[in-house]
Amino acid sequence: MRKRAAHAFAWAALLVVGAGSAAAAAADPVAGRAKAMACQACHGMDGLSKVPDAPNIAGQNEAYLVAQLQAFKTGRRQNESMSVVAATLSDSDIAALAAYYAAIEVRVGKIPGE
């Protein structure tokens, strides 16, 4: 029974990410940049965290960003700041923000031990 429940959960997760990626495919990163002005205090315009509790989101998977913003918006995921901010975003705002932050190219400067 556990295996069946885990399998159903995995399919549900894929559907959520898939639905998010369809909306994100038509998203405008330029519009996302304008919307990102409200995100810059924590995540930066470059997607690199400016505060200890905010994650780096530059170059993150677009569908993942959509799914997480939707989760904050609906209350499935909770965070004092993000729950308030995401509640004000439309689906097109979420798609545009995800497109913008996903489009930021991340480069590795130095890998420890190499």
Protein backbone atom coordinates (compact mmCIF):
# COMPACT_ATOMS: atom_id res chain seq x y z
CA MET A 1 0.00 0.00 0.00
CA ARG A 2 2.84 2.42 0.81
CA LYS A 3 4.42 1.77 -2.55
CA ARG A 4 1.15 2.61 -4.32
CA ALA A 5 0.74 5.82 -2.29
CA ALA A 6 4.32 6.86 -3.05
CA HIS A 7 3.75 6.13 -6.73
CA ALA A 8 0.55 8.23 -6.74
CA PHE A 9 2.38 11.07 -5.00
CA ALA A 10 5.17 10.98 -7.58
CA TRP A 11 2.63 11.20 -10.43
CA ALA A 12 0.83 14.08 -8.73
CA ALA A 13 4.12 15.95 -8.33
CA LEU A 14 4.91 15.45 -12.01
CA LEU A 15 1.50 16.80 -12.97
CA VAL A 16 2.01 19.92 -10.85
CA VAL A 17 5.46 20.55 -12.32
CA GLY A 18 4.19 19.80 -15.83
CA ALA A 19 1.30 22.23 -15.45
CA GLY A 20 3.71 24.84 -14.18
CA SER A 21 6.07 24.33 -17.10
CA ALA A 22 3.28 24.86 -19.64
CA ALA A 23 2.50 28.27 -18.14
CA ALA A 24 6.20 29.07 -17.83
CA ALA A 25 6.85 28.24 -21.48
CA ALA A 26 4.92 31.34 -22.55
CA ALA A 27 6.39 33.54 -19.82
CA ASP A 28 8.27 36.74 -20.50
CA PRO A 29 11.61 37.07 -18.67
CA VAL A 30 11.66 40.82 -19.41
CA ALA A 31 8.33 41.24 -17.58
CA GLY A 32 9.78 39.02 -14.85
CA ARG A 33 12.73 41.38 -14.44
CA ALA A 34 10.34 44.26 -13.80
CA LYS A 35 8.44 42.16 -11.24
CA ALA A 36 11.72 41.06 -9.62
CA MET A 37 12.27 44.57 -8.28
CA ALA A 38 10.11 43.49 -5.34
CA CYS A 39 12.28 40.38 -4.83
CA GLN A 40 15.68 42.06 -4.88
CA ALA A 41 15.97 42.81 -1.15
CA CYS A 42 16.13 39.08 -0.35
CA HIS A 43 16.95 37.27 -3.60
CA GLY A 44 18.74 40.05 -5.48
CA MET A 45 18.20 41.01 -9.10
CA ASP A 46 20.95 38.49 -9.86
CA GLY A 47 19.11 35.70 -8.00
CA LEU A 48 21.87 35.42 -5.41
CA SER A 49 20.68 35.60 -1.81
CA LYS A 50 21.19 38.87 0.03
CA VAL A 51 19.96 37.57 3.41
CA PRO A 52 20.80 34.34 5.25
CA ASP A 53 17.30 32.84 5.09
CA ALA A 54 16.68 33.41 1.36
CA PRO A 55 17.87 30.81 -1.15
CA ASN A 56 19.83 31.50 -4.31
CA ILE A 57 17.36 31.17 -7.17
CA ALA A 58 19.49 32.21 -10.16
CA GLY A 59 19.43 29.54 -12.84
CA GLN A 60 16.95 27.42 -10.89
CA ASN A 61 14.61 25.18 -12.89
CA GLU A 62 11.72 27.30 -14.19
CA ALA A 63 9.00 24.73 -13.48
CA TYR A 64 10.33 24.31 -9.94
CA LEU A 65 10.17 28.07 -9.33
CA VAL A 66 6.58 28.17 -10.63
CA ALA A 67 5.61 25.25 -8.39
CA GLN A 68 7.17 26.82 -5.30
CA LEU A 69 5.62 30.24 -5.88
CA GLN A 70 2.23 28.59 -6.41
CA ALA A 71 2.72 26.62 -3.18
CA PHE A 72 3.42 29.83 -1.26
CA LYS A 73 0.43 31.53 -2.91
CA THR A 74 -2.00 28.73 -2.03
CA GLY A 75 -0.60 28.17 1.45
CA ARG A 76 0.72 24.64 0.77
CA ARG A 77 4.12 26.06 1.66
CA GLN A 78 4.57 28.62 4.43
CA ASN A 79 7.13 31.35 4.98
CA GLU A 80 6.52 34.63 6.77
CA SER A 81 7.75 36.77 3.88
CA MET A 82 7.06 34.61 0.84
CA SER A 83 3.48 33.77 1.81
CA VAL A 84 2.65 37.50 1.91
CA VAL A 85 4.48 38.34 -1.32
CA ALA A 86 3.22 35.35 -3.34
CA ALA A 87 -0.40 36.04 -2.36
CA THR A 88 -0.26 39.22 -4.46
CA LEU A 89 1.10 37.53 -7.60
CA SER A 90 -1.03 36.52 -10.57
CA ASP A 91 -0.29 33.32 -12.46
CA SER A 92 1.32 35.38 -15.23
CA ASP A 93 3.46 37.23 -12.65
CA ILE A 94 4.62 33.89 -11.25
CA ALA A 95 5.43 32.56 -14.71
CA ALA A 96 7.33 35.74 -15.63
CA LEU A 97 9.35 35.73 -12.38
CA ALA A 98 10.22 32.07 -12.86
CA ALA A 99 11.26 32.71 -16.47
CA TYR A 100 13.46 35.62 -15.40
CA TYR A 101 15.29 33.90 -12.56
CA ALA A 102 15.64 30.64 -14.54
CA ALA A 103 17.21 32.55 -17.44
CA ILE A 104 20.05 33.89 -15.29
CA GLU A 105 23.23 32.08 -16.26
CA VAL A 106 25.16 30.66 -13.34
CA ARG A 107 28.88 30.03 -13.72
CA VAL A 108 31.12 28.04 -11.42
CA GLY A 109 34.26 29.98 -10.61
CA LYS A 110 36.19 27.50 -8.54
CA ILE A 111 35.43 24.02 -7.29
CA PRO A 112 37.09 23.13 -3.98
CA GLY A 113 39.73 20.46 -4.37
CA GLU A 114 40.37 21.09 -8.06
